[in-house]
Amino acid sequence: MSAPAGRARRVLAATAVAVAGTLAVGMAVAAPSAAQAGPTLGQLAAAKGRYFGSATDNPTLNNSAYTAVLGSEFGQITVGNTQKWMYVEPSRGRFDYSQADQIVAFAQAHNQTVRGHTLVWHNQLPSWVNDVPAGELLGVMRNHIANVAGHYKGKVVHWDVVNEAFEENGARRQSVFQQKLGDGYIAEAFKAARAADPNAKLYYNDYNVEGINAKSDAMYNMVKSFKQQGIPIDGVGLQAHLVLGQVPSTLQQNIQRFADLGVDVAITELDIRMRTPRDAAKDAQQAADYRAVTNACLAVTRCVGITVWDFSDGHSWIPSVFPGEGAALIYDEDFAKKPSYWAVYEALGGTRTTTTTTTTTSGNNGSGCTATYRVVGQWNGGYQGEVTVRNTGSTATTGWTVKWTLAQGQTVNSLWNGTVTTNGQEVTVRNANYNGAVAPNGTTTFGFTGSSAGANPIPALTCATS
C-alpha cells in the first residue's frame, strides 16, 4: 500500500463531506436508536476480551444522529485531533485542554475507555516547536508530555506516545525531534510518559506496518531493543489505513511477532478505502477485508482491540486526501450499517437477522427476474433491509424494477445502489446507472434503511426487467 500522503490534511478533514459516489435518496434519515435489538460491536468485542472503538472529533459532537451511534455502539473512543500538540500547547508553556476534555467527558458519560493520541508527532506541531534550540528541545518535550499525560492521568487507558517516526524503508523520519535530539528521543518520550502516568499503557503507533516489511521490521527491532533495555513500552499500534482487497497476507503473523516480544498490539485507525462510487461487489470485498482484519486480531491473544478511524463515511478523512476514493468505513454517510459492519459483527460472534422472502417475477421473450428481500437488522423504531435481484432470463437485462407496498407505520428513509420513488405506501426501486445490466442468473443488490412502528412485516415484491 502507498503511504498516506498528506497525512496532516487527513486529521484536519475529520468532518469531510459524504462520499459522493454512494447513491442515496435525499430524504431525512432516522438514525438507529441506542436501544437497538441485539448486542453492539463494543459488547461483542468485550465478550471476547477486546474492545471495539471509534475515533471522533469535536465538531461531530453537535450532531445528535452521529452521537447516538457513537455513544451506544462502541466501547472505546480515540481523540482524533485535539490532544495533539498544536491544540494542547499552542504556545510554549501555555496549555489548553478545553476541546479534548469535551471528548473525554463524552466517553466517560457513555462508559467508554479513551485512547490518548498523540504526545509526540512530527505533524500538527505549532511552529514555535521547530524554533526551540537543540539544547532545550528535550526539556520542552519532557515538559509537554508531563503536562498532557499528567492532565489525563487516570482518564486515558493507552497513550500513543510517539507517532510515525519511521520512513517506508525503515530509516528514521527526519523530524525536528530526530534532527535535534537523535535516535534517543523516542526512548526519552516513553520514560517521560511513564513518569507522568504510571498506569496508562504506552504505545508506539505507525502506518504501513500492518504486514511484514522494511518499516515494520524497523519498528520490531526498536521494540525488541526497548524491551531488552527496560524502556517502558507496553504496546504497538498498527494504524491499518488499508486499500480494498489489499489486507496484508502477513497481518496475523506480524501481530503475533510483536506479541511474542511481550507487548500488546492494537489496530488503531482502521479504514479500508475504495474507488467510488460503491457497488455490491466493492461492498462485498470490503466486508471480506474487515472480517479478515478482525479475525487476525482475534487470533492473537495480545491483540487487545480495534478502533475504526471514525465510523461513518460522511466523517472520513479519505475523500479529502485521496480524490475519487472513500466509502472506507462501516456505516454510510446516513448512519446505515454497511456490509462491512455486519462482517465485523459476525466475526465478533454476533448473529444477523436472516428473515427473507423470494417474490414474483414478470417478463417476456426470455426475460424475467426474482427479488429476494432480507431484513439485515432491526432496532427500536427502525430497520435495515436488503433486496437481491436475480436475472432468471436467458439474456442480459438492461434494467430492472422492484415494487412493494409498505405496511402502515413503515417508511423507506435512505436507499443505495438504486433510485427510489414512493407514492403513498407504494415503493418503486429502479436500477442505478451502473447496475442495470445483469447477466443471466447473475445478481445485483440494493439496500435501504427505514422507520417502523410496531411490527415490521416482510412485504411481497414484484420484479420486472427491461
Protein backbone atom coordinates (compact mmCIF):
# COMPACT_ATOMS: atom_id res chain seq x y z
CA MET A 1 0.00 0.00 0.00
CA SER A 2 1.25 3.50 -0.75
CA ALA A 3 1.90 5.78 2.20
CA PRO A 4 -0.99 8.04 3.22
CA ALA A 5 0.49 11.17 1.65
CA GLY A 6 -0.90 14.40 3.04
CA ARG A 7 -1.48 12.90 6.47
CA ALA A 8 -1.52 16.33 8.07
CA ARG A 9 -4.54 17.14 5.91
CA ARG A 10 -6.09 13.83 6.90
CA VAL A 11 -6.51 14.72 10.52
CA LEU A 12 -7.92 18.11 9.67
CA ALA A 13 -10.51 16.53 7.38
CA ALA A 14 -12.44 14.68 10.06
CA THR A 15 -15.65 16.42 9.02
CA ALA A 16 -15.27 15.69 5.30
CA VAL A 17 -18.38 15.69 3.16
CA ALA A 18 -20.25 12.49 2.43
CA VAL A 19 -18.78 10.25 -0.25
CA ALA A 20 -20.42 11.45 -3.44
CA GLY A 21 -20.49 8.05 -5.06
CA THR A 22 -22.81 6.44 -2.55
CA LEU A 23 -26.27 6.51 -4.08
CA ALA A 24 -28.94 7.55 -1.62
CA VAL A 25 -32.28 9.26 -1.85
CA GLY A 26 -32.48 12.76 -0.50
CA MET A 27 -34.78 12.08 2.41
CA ALA A 28 -34.30 12.74 6.10
CA VAL A 29 -32.64 9.80 7.79
CA ALA A 30 -33.74 8.24 11.05
CA ALA A 31 -30.60 7.15 12.90
CA PRO A 32 -30.62 3.81 14.68
CA SER A 33 -31.75 4.07 18.26
CA ALA A 34 -29.27 3.35 21.01
CA ALA A 35 -31.74 0.72 22.16
CA GLN A 36 -31.22 -1.47 19.09
CA ALA A 37 -32.03 -5.14 19.29
CA GLY A 38 -29.03 -7.39 19.83
CA PRO A 39 -25.54 -6.63 21.10
CA THR A 40 -23.36 -3.78 19.86
CA LEU A 41 -19.87 -4.15 18.40
CA GLY A 42 -18.48 -2.91 21.69
CA GLN A 43 -20.39 -5.53 23.65
CA LEU A 44 -19.43 -8.34 21.30
CA ALA A 45 -15.76 -7.37 21.47
CA ALA A 46 -15.86 -7.14 25.25
CA ALA A 47 -17.24 -10.67 25.43
CA LYS A 48 -14.06 -11.77 23.65
CA GLY A 49 -11.78 -9.78 25.93
CA ARG A 50 -11.21 -6.98 23.41
CA TYR A 51 -12.54 -3.53 22.71
CA PHE A 52 -14.06 -2.15 19.52
CA GLY A 53 -13.95 1.62 19.27
CA SER A 54 -14.06 4.69 17.07
CA ALA A 55 -12.09 7.89 16.72
CA THR A 56 -14.08 11.10 16.84
CA ASP A 57 -13.58 14.83 16.59
CA ASN A 58 -15.11 17.86 18.28
CA PRO A 59 -17.36 19.24 15.50
CA THR A 60 -19.32 15.99 15.28
CA LEU A 61 -20.31 16.12 18.95
CA ASN A 62 -23.01 18.60 17.92
CA ASN A 63 -24.67 16.07 15.58
CA SER A 64 -27.28 14.16 17.57
CA ALA A 65 -27.72 11.41 14.95
CA TYR A 66 -23.96 10.86 14.95
CA THR A 67 -23.57 10.86 18.74
CA ALA A 68 -26.49 8.44 19.13
CA VAL A 69 -24.38 5.84 17.32
CA LEU A 70 -21.01 6.93 18.76
CA GLY A 71 -22.28 6.74 22.32
CA SER A 72 -24.03 3.39 22.02
CA GLU A 73 -22.14 1.18 19.55
CA PHE A 74 -18.53 1.46 20.72
CA GLY A 75 -16.68 0.59 23.90
CA GLN A 76 -13.71 2.90 23.28
CA ILE A 77 -13.05 6.39 21.92
CA THR A 78 -9.88 7.88 20.42
CA VAL A 79 -9.50 11.66 20.43
CA GLY A 80 -8.87 12.18 16.72
CA ASN A 81 -7.22 15.59 16.79
CA THR A 82 -7.46 17.74 19.85
CA GLN A 83 -4.93 16.04 22.13
CA LYS A 84 -2.20 16.84 19.60
CA TRP A 85 0.50 19.39 20.33
CA MET A 86 -0.93 22.27 18.26
CA TYR A 87 -4.16 22.13 20.27
CA VAL A 88 -2.97 21.47 23.81
CA GLU A 89 0.21 23.59 23.83
CA PRO A 90 -0.28 26.23 21.12
CA SER A 91 2.41 28.45 22.63
CA ARG A 92 5.32 27.43 24.79
CA GLY A 93 4.22 26.62 28.30
CA ARG A 94 0.55 27.55 27.72
CA PHE A 95 -1.72 24.52 27.82
CA ASP A 96 -5.35 24.35 26.66
CA TYR A 97 -7.32 21.12 27.17
CA SER A 98 -10.81 22.50 26.57
CA GLN A 99 -11.53 20.69 23.29
CA ALA A 100 -10.00 17.34 24.18
CA ASP A 101 -11.76 17.45 27.55
CA GLN A 102 -15.12 17.57 25.75
CA ILE A 103 -14.43 14.26 24.02
CA VAL A 104 -13.09 12.63 27.18
CA ALA A 105 -16.19 13.80 29.06
CA PHE A 106 -18.42 12.32 26.33
CA ALA A 107 -16.63 8.97 26.65
CA GLN A 108 -16.91 8.99 30.43
CA ALA A 109 -20.63 9.79 30.22
CA HIS A 110 -21.09 6.74 27.98
CA ASN A 111 -18.84 4.36 29.97
CA GLN A 112 -16.24 4.26 27.19
CA THR A 113 -12.48 3.99 27.62
CA VAL A 114 -10.19 6.54 25.96
CA ARG A 115 -7.01 6.09 23.91
CA GLY A 116 -4.80 9.18 24.04
CA HIS A 117 -3.48 10.34 20.65
CA THR A 118 -0.72 11.54 20.45
CA LEU A 119 2.07 13.01 22.60
CA VAL A 120 4.95 13.33 20.09
CA TRP A 121 4.40 13.60 16.34
CA HIS A 122 6.14 15.49 13.57
CA ASN A 123 2.83 16.81 12.18
CA GLN A 124 0.36 19.24 13.72
CA LEU A 125 3.13 20.88 15.70
CA PRO A 126 2.84 24.60 16.46
CA SER A 127 5.54 26.50 14.65
CA TRP A 128 7.30 27.51 17.85
CA VAL A 129 8.47 23.91 18.46
CA ASN A 130 10.62 23.99 15.33
CA ASP A 131 12.36 27.11 16.64
CA VAL A 132 13.38 25.62 20.01
CA PRO A 133 17.19 25.37 20.25
CA ALA A 134 18.56 21.84 20.19
CA GLY A 135 19.82 22.17 23.75
CA GLU A 136 16.33 22.99 25.03
CA LEU A 137 14.14 20.65 22.96
CA LEU A 138 14.47 17.57 25.17
CA GLY A 139 13.30 19.58 28.17
CA VAL A 140 10.44 21.04 26.13
CA MET A 141 9.36 17.56 25.00
CA ARG A 142 9.52 16.19 28.54
CA ASN A 143 7.56 19.13 29.87
CA HIS A 144 4.88 18.70 27.19
CA ILE A 145 4.48 15.01 27.97
CA ALA A 146 4.42 15.60 31.71
CA ASN A 147 1.66 18.19 31.40
CA VAL A 148 -0.54 16.42 28.86
CA ALA A 149 -0.24 12.87 30.21
CA GLY A 150 -0.46 14.28 33.72
CA HIS A 151 -3.65 16.16 32.94
CA TYR A 152 -5.29 12.95 31.68
CA LYS A 153 -3.85 10.68 34.33
CA GLY A 154 -6.49 8.10 35.25
CA LYS A 155 -8.70 9.09 32.29
CA VAL A 156 -6.73 7.53 29.42
CA VAL A 157 -6.00 3.79 29.23
CA HIS A 158 -3.48 3.96 26.33
CA TRP A 159 -1.19 6.70 25.03
CA ASP A 160 0.21 6.82 21.52
CA VAL A 161 3.43 8.22 22.94
CA VAL A 162 5.31 8.59 19.63
CA ASN A 163 3.62 8.54 16.23
CA GLU A 164 5.10 7.77 12.79
CA ALA A 165 8.84 8.02 13.48
CA PHE A 166 9.92 5.74 10.59
CA GLU A 167 10.10 6.15 6.82
CA GLU A 168 8.94 3.43 4.42
CA ASN A 169 12.47 1.98 4.12
CA GLY A 170 12.85 1.68 7.89
CA ALA A 171 15.04 4.76 8.32
CA ARG A 172 14.20 7.29 10.99
CA ARG A 173 12.00 10.13 9.81
CA GLN A 174 13.95 13.38 9.88
CA SER A 175 11.54 15.24 12.14
CA VAL A 176 12.60 18.16 14.30
CA PHE A 177 12.97 15.71 17.19
CA GLN A 178 15.14 13.31 15.21
CA GLN A 179 17.33 16.10 13.81
CA LYS A 180 17.91 17.89 17.11
CA LEU A 181 17.78 15.03 19.62
CA GLY A 182 18.84 11.95 17.62
CA ASP A 183 17.65 8.35 17.91
CA GLY A 184 17.26 8.53 21.68
CA TYR A 185 14.28 10.86 21.69
CA ILE A 186 11.73 8.04 21.38
CA ALA A 187 13.04 6.24 24.47
CA GLU A 188 13.09 9.55 26.36
CA ALA A 189 9.48 10.19 25.40
CA PHE A 190 8.40 6.80 26.75
CA LYS A 191 10.27 7.39 30.01
CA ALA A 192 8.59 10.76 30.43
CA ALA A 193 5.14 9.27 29.72
CA ARG A 194 5.65 6.52 32.30
CA ALA A 195 6.64 9.09 34.91
CA ALA A 196 3.59 11.22 34.13
CA ASP A 197 1.06 8.34 34.23
CA PRO A 198 2.38 5.03 35.56
CA ASN A 199 -0.89 3.21 34.89
CA ALA A 200 -1.51 4.10 31.23
CA LYS A 201 -0.33 1.61 28.60
CA LEU A 202 2.31 3.21 26.39
CA TYR A 203 2.22 2.60 22.61
CA TYR A 204 4.30 3.32 19.55
CA ASN A 205 1.93 3.94 16.60
CA ASP A 206 2.58 3.93 12.83
CA TYR A 207 1.06 3.29 9.36
CA ASN A 208 2.04 0.84 6.60
CA VAL A 209 3.31 -1.54 9.28
CA GLU A 210 0.39 -3.99 9.18
CA GLY A 211 2.32 -6.58 7.19
CA ILE A 212 5.93 -7.70 7.46
CA ASN A 213 8.09 -5.23 5.53
CA ALA A 214 11.10 -2.94 5.97
CA LYS A 215 9.14 -0.41 8.00
CA SER A 216 7.56 -2.92 10.37
CA ASP A 217 10.93 -4.66 10.71
CA ALA A 218 12.46 -1.38 11.90
CA MET A 219 9.61 -0.94 14.37
CA TYR A 220 10.01 -4.53 15.53
CA ASN A 221 13.75 -4.05 16.12
CA MET A 222 13.13 -0.87 18.09
CA VAL A 223 10.55 -2.54 20.33
CA LYS A 224 12.83 -5.53 20.85
CA SER A 225 15.68 -3.21 21.83
CA PHE A 226 13.42 -1.26 24.20
CA LYS A 227 12.31 -4.44 25.93
CA GLN A 228 15.93 -5.54 26.34
CA GLN A 229 16.91 -2.14 27.76
CA GLY A 230 13.92 -1.84 30.08
CA ILE A 231 12.43 1.14 28.24
CA PRO A 232 8.76 1.30 29.30
CA ILE A 233 6.82 0.28 26.17
CA ASP A 234 3.58 -1.68 26.53
CA GLY A 235 2.17 -1.89 23.02
CA VAL A 236 2.32 -1.10 19.33
CA GLY A 237 -0.44 0.42 17.22
CA LEU A 238 -0.97 -0.71 13.63
CA GLN A 239 -2.97 2.09 12.05
CA ALA A 240 -4.38 -0.03 9.21
CA HIS A 241 -5.37 2.60 6.65
CA LEU A 242 -5.90 -0.09 4.03
CA VAL A 243 -6.92 -0.31 0.38
CA LEU A 244 -9.77 -2.51 -0.85
CA GLY A 245 -8.57 -6.06 -1.49
CA GLN A 246 -5.10 -5.41 -0.07
CA VAL A 247 -5.17 -6.66 3.52
CA PRO A 248 -1.58 -7.89 4.02
CA SER A 249 -1.32 -11.68 3.99
CA THR A 250 1.19 -11.44 6.85
CA LEU A 251 -1.07 -9.38 9.14
CA GLN A 252 -1.69 -12.11 11.73
CA GLN A 253 1.95 -13.23 11.61
CA ASN A 254 3.07 -9.65 12.17
CA ILE A 255 0.71 -9.17 15.11
CA GLN A 256 1.98 -12.42 16.62
CA ARG A 257 5.66 -11.49 16.35
CA PHE A 258 5.11 -8.26 18.26
CA ALA A 259 3.05 -10.11 20.86
CA ASP A 260 5.92 -12.56 21.22
CA LEU A 261 8.13 -9.64 22.29
CA GLY A 262 5.85 -9.16 25.28
CA VAL A 263 3.82 -6.16 24.10
CA ASP A 264 0.15 -5.69 23.30
CA VAL A 265 -1.00 -4.90 19.76
CA ALA A 266 -3.92 -2.70 18.75
CA ILE A 267 -5.46 -1.92 15.37
CA THR A 268 -5.66 1.81 16.00
CA GLU A 269 -7.01 3.66 12.93
CA LEU A 270 -8.79 1.13 10.71
CA ASP A 271 -10.43 2.10 7.45
CA ILE A 272 -10.49 0.34 4.06
CA ARG A 273 -10.93 2.71 1.14
CA MET A 274 -12.29 2.02 -2.34
CA ARG A 275 -12.73 3.85 -5.62
CA THR A 276 -16.14 5.45 -5.50
CA PRO A 277 -18.98 5.01 -6.21
CA ARG A 278 -19.76 1.97 -4.12
CA ASP A 279 -21.33 -1.08 -5.69
CA ALA A 280 -22.30 -4.52 -4.47
CA ALA A 281 -19.00 -6.13 -5.49
CA LYS A 282 -16.92 -3.48 -3.73
CA ASP A 283 -19.10 -3.72 -0.64
CA ALA A 284 -18.62 -7.49 -0.59
CA GLN A 285 -14.83 -7.17 -0.91
CA GLN A 286 -14.72 -4.53 1.80
CA ALA A 287 -16.78 -6.76 4.09
CA ALA A 288 -14.35 -9.62 3.49
CA ASP A 289 -11.42 -7.30 4.26
CA TYR A 290 -12.93 -6.05 7.52
CA ARG A 291 -13.66 -9.64 8.50
CA ALA A 292 -10.05 -10.63 7.76
CA VAL A 293 -8.64 -7.82 9.92
CA THR A 294 -10.99 -8.66 12.78
CA ASN A 295 -10.18 -12.36 12.59
CA ALA A 296 -6.43 -11.65 12.56
CA CYS A 297 -6.77 -9.67 15.78
CA LEU A 298 -8.96 -12.29 17.42
CA ALA A 299 -6.41 -14.99 16.56
CA VAL A 300 -3.70 -13.40 18.73
CA THR A 301 -4.37 -13.16 22.46
CA ARG A 302 -2.39 -9.95 22.90
CA CYS A 303 -4.26 -8.11 20.14
CA VAL A 304 -6.35 -6.09 22.55
CA GLY A 305 -8.74 -4.20 20.28
CA ILE A 306 -9.72 -2.44 17.09
CA THR A 307 -10.55 1.22 16.50
CA VAL A 308 -12.07 2.50 13.27
CA TRP A 309 -10.88 5.96 12.22
CA ASP A 310 -14.36 7.39 12.75
CA PHE A 311 -17.26 5.15 11.82
CA SER A 312 -19.33 6.96 9.16
CA ASP A 313 -18.32 7.58 5.55
CA GLY A 314 -19.61 11.12 5.93
CA HIS A 315 -16.91 11.85 8.52
CA SER A 316 -13.93 10.15 6.89
CA TRP A 317 -10.63 11.84 6.03
CA ILE A 318 -10.19 9.74 2.88
CA PRO A 319 -12.03 11.77 0.18
CA SER A 320 -10.15 14.97 1.02
CA VAL A 321 -6.74 13.29 0.68
CA PHE A 322 -7.38 10.61 -1.97
CA PRO A 323 -9.62 12.15 -4.68
CA GLY A 324 -12.03 9.63 -6.15
CA GLU A 325 -11.71 7.31 -3.16
CA GLY A 326 -13.74 6.90 0.00
CA ALA A 327 -16.60 4.79 1.43
CA ALA A 328 -13.95 3.38 3.78
CA LEU A 329 -15.93 2.82 6.99
CA ILE A 330 -18.60 0.56 8.46
CA TYR A 331 -21.54 3.00 8.37
CA ASP A 332 -22.55 5.03 5.36
CA GLU A 333 -22.97 8.81 5.48
CA ASP A 334 -26.58 8.37 6.63
CA PHE A 335 -25.51 6.12 9.53
CA ALA A 336 -26.85 2.96 7.90
CA LYS A 337 -24.84 -0.18 8.65
CA LYS A 338 -22.90 -1.36 5.62
CA PRO A 339 -21.95 -4.96 4.78
CA SER A 340 -18.57 -4.20 6.40
CA TYR A 341 -20.36 -3.56 9.71
CA TRP A 342 -22.08 -6.92 9.55
CA ALA A 343 -18.82 -8.67 8.66
CA VAL A 344 -17.24 -7.32 11.85
CA TYR A 345 -20.42 -8.12 13.79
CA GLU A 346 -20.34 -11.74 12.69
CA ALA A 347 -16.58 -12.09 13.18
CA LEU A 348 -17.05 -10.93 16.78
CA GLY A 349 -19.69 -13.60 17.32
CA GLY A 350 -22.90 -11.75 16.53
CA THR A 351 -25.80 -13.32 14.62
CA ARG A 352 -27.64 -11.39 11.94
CA THR A 353 -31.37 -11.42 11.31
CA THR A 354 -31.94 -13.63 8.27
CA THR A 355 -35.67 -13.38 7.55
CA THR A 356 -36.13 -13.46 3.77
CA THR A 357 -38.78 -13.78 1.12
CA THR A 358 -38.44 -14.54 -2.59
CA THR A 359 -41.02 -12.83 -4.71
CA THR A 360 -42.82 -12.93 -8.03
CA THR A 361 -41.36 -12.45 -11.49
CA SER A 362 -42.51 -10.90 -14.71
CA GLY A 363 -41.07 -10.67 -18.21
CA ASN A 364 -41.34 -11.96 -21.73
CA ASN A 365 -39.18 -13.00 -24.66
CA GLY A 366 -36.78 -14.84 -22.39
CA SER A 367 -36.65 -12.15 -19.69
CA GLY A 368 -37.56 -12.29 -16.01
CA CYS A 369 -36.24 -11.77 -12.52
CA THR A 370 -36.74 -12.57 -8.86
CA ALA A 371 -36.35 -10.20 -5.93
CA THR A 372 -35.35 -11.58 -2.54
CA TYR A 373 -35.99 -9.34 0.46
CA ARG A 374 -34.00 -9.72 3.67
CA VAL A 375 -34.14 -7.82 6.96
CA VAL A 376 -30.49 -7.22 7.78
CA GLY A 377 -31.01 -5.63 11.19
CA GLN A 378 -33.70 -4.06 13.36
CA TRP A 379 -33.73 -1.60 16.25
CA ASN A 380 -36.41 0.24 18.15
CA GLY A 381 -38.19 2.35 15.55
CA GLY A 382 -36.13 1.32 12.54
CA TYR A 383 -34.66 -1.37 10.36
CA GLN A 384 -32.23 -2.05 7.50
CA GLY A 385 -33.35 -4.10 4.51
CA GLU A 386 -31.61 -5.62 1.52
CA VAL A 387 -33.03 -6.82 -1.81
CA THR A 388 -31.19 -9.13 -4.20
CA VAL A 389 -32.35 -9.02 -7.82
CA ARG A 390 -31.58 -12.15 -9.84
CA ASN A 391 -31.90 -12.37 -13.62
CA THR A 392 -33.85 -15.57 -14.32
CA GLY A 393 -33.98 -15.00 -18.05
CA SER A 394 -31.76 -16.21 -20.87
CA THR A 395 -30.44 -12.79 -21.91
CA ALA A 396 -28.76 -9.95 -20.00
CA THR A 397 -31.03 -7.26 -18.63
CA THR A 398 -30.68 -3.61 -19.50
CA GLY A 399 -32.62 -2.53 -16.43
CA TRP A 400 -34.84 -3.77 -13.61
CA THR A 401 -37.64 -2.52 -11.38
CA VAL A 402 -38.73 -3.79 -7.94
CA LYS A 403 -42.00 -2.74 -6.31
CA TRP A 404 -43.63 -3.38 -2.95
CA THR A 405 -46.24 -1.95 -0.59
CA LEU A 406 -45.20 -0.69 2.83
CA ALA A 407 -47.24 -1.72 5.84
CA GLN A 408 -48.74 1.03 7.97
CA GLY A 409 -46.02 2.58 10.07
CA GLN A 410 -43.21 1.67 7.66
CA THR A 411 -41.14 4.14 5.65
CA VAL A 412 -38.06 3.98 3.44
CA ASN A 413 -35.66 6.72 4.54
CA SER A 414 -32.43 6.13 2.62
CA LEU A 415 -31.54 3.78 -0.22
CA TRP A 416 -28.31 2.93 -2.04
CA ASN A 417 -27.45 1.09 -5.28
CA GLY A 418 -30.76 2.12 -6.83
CA THR A 419 -33.19 5.02 -7.32
CA VAL A 420 -36.40 5.10 -5.32
CA THR A 421 -39.77 6.80 -5.66
CA THR A 422 -42.74 6.49 -3.31
CA ASN A 423 -46.43 7.12 -3.86
CA GLY A 424 -48.21 6.80 -0.55
CA GLN A 425 -47.29 3.32 0.67
CA GLU A 426 -46.15 2.14 -2.77
CA VAL A 427 -42.37 1.88 -3.25
CA THR A 428 -40.68 1.60 -6.65
CA VAL A 429 -36.94 1.00 -6.95
CA ARG A 430 -35.19 1.11 -10.32
CA ASN A 431 -31.61 0.25 -11.10
CA ALA A 432 -28.86 2.83 -10.75
CA ASN A 433 -26.96 3.87 -13.87
CA TYR A 434 -24.22 1.32 -13.17
CA ASN A 435 -26.10 -1.87 -12.18
CA GLY A 436 -28.93 -2.26 -14.69
CA ALA A 437 -27.07 -4.85 -16.77
CA VAL A 438 -27.34 -8.23 -15.04
CA ALA A 439 -26.15 -11.39 -16.79
CA PRO A 440 -28.38 -14.49 -16.94
CA ASN A 441 -28.52 -15.99 -13.43
CA GLY A 442 -26.48 -13.02 -12.20
CA THR A 443 -27.47 -10.84 -9.27
CA THR A 444 -27.23 -7.29 -8.00
CA THR A 445 -28.22 -5.92 -4.62
CA PHE A 446 -29.63 -2.70 -3.21
CA GLY A 447 -30.09 -1.76 0.42
CA PHE A 448 -32.06 0.75 2.46
CA THR A 449 -32.91 1.94 5.94
CA GLY A 450 -36.41 2.68 7.13
CA SER A 451 -38.60 3.52 10.07
CA SER A 452 -41.21 1.21 11.53
CA ALA A 453 -43.88 1.45 14.17
CA GLY A 454 -44.66 -1.78 15.94
CA ALA A 455 -44.38 -4.84 13.70
CA ASN A 456 -42.01 -4.78 10.73
CA PRO A 457 -43.60 -7.29 8.30
CA ILE A 458 -41.83 -8.68 5.24
CA PRO A 459 -43.57 -7.34 2.13
CA ALA A 460 -44.42 -9.13 -1.12
CA LEU A 461 -42.35 -7.78 -4.00
CA THR A 462 -42.71 -7.77 -7.77
CA CYS A 463 -39.72 -7.70 -10.09
CA ALA A 464 -39.63 -6.73 -13.76
CA THR A 465 -36.77 -6.45 -16.27
CA SER A 466 -36.16 -4.43 -19.37
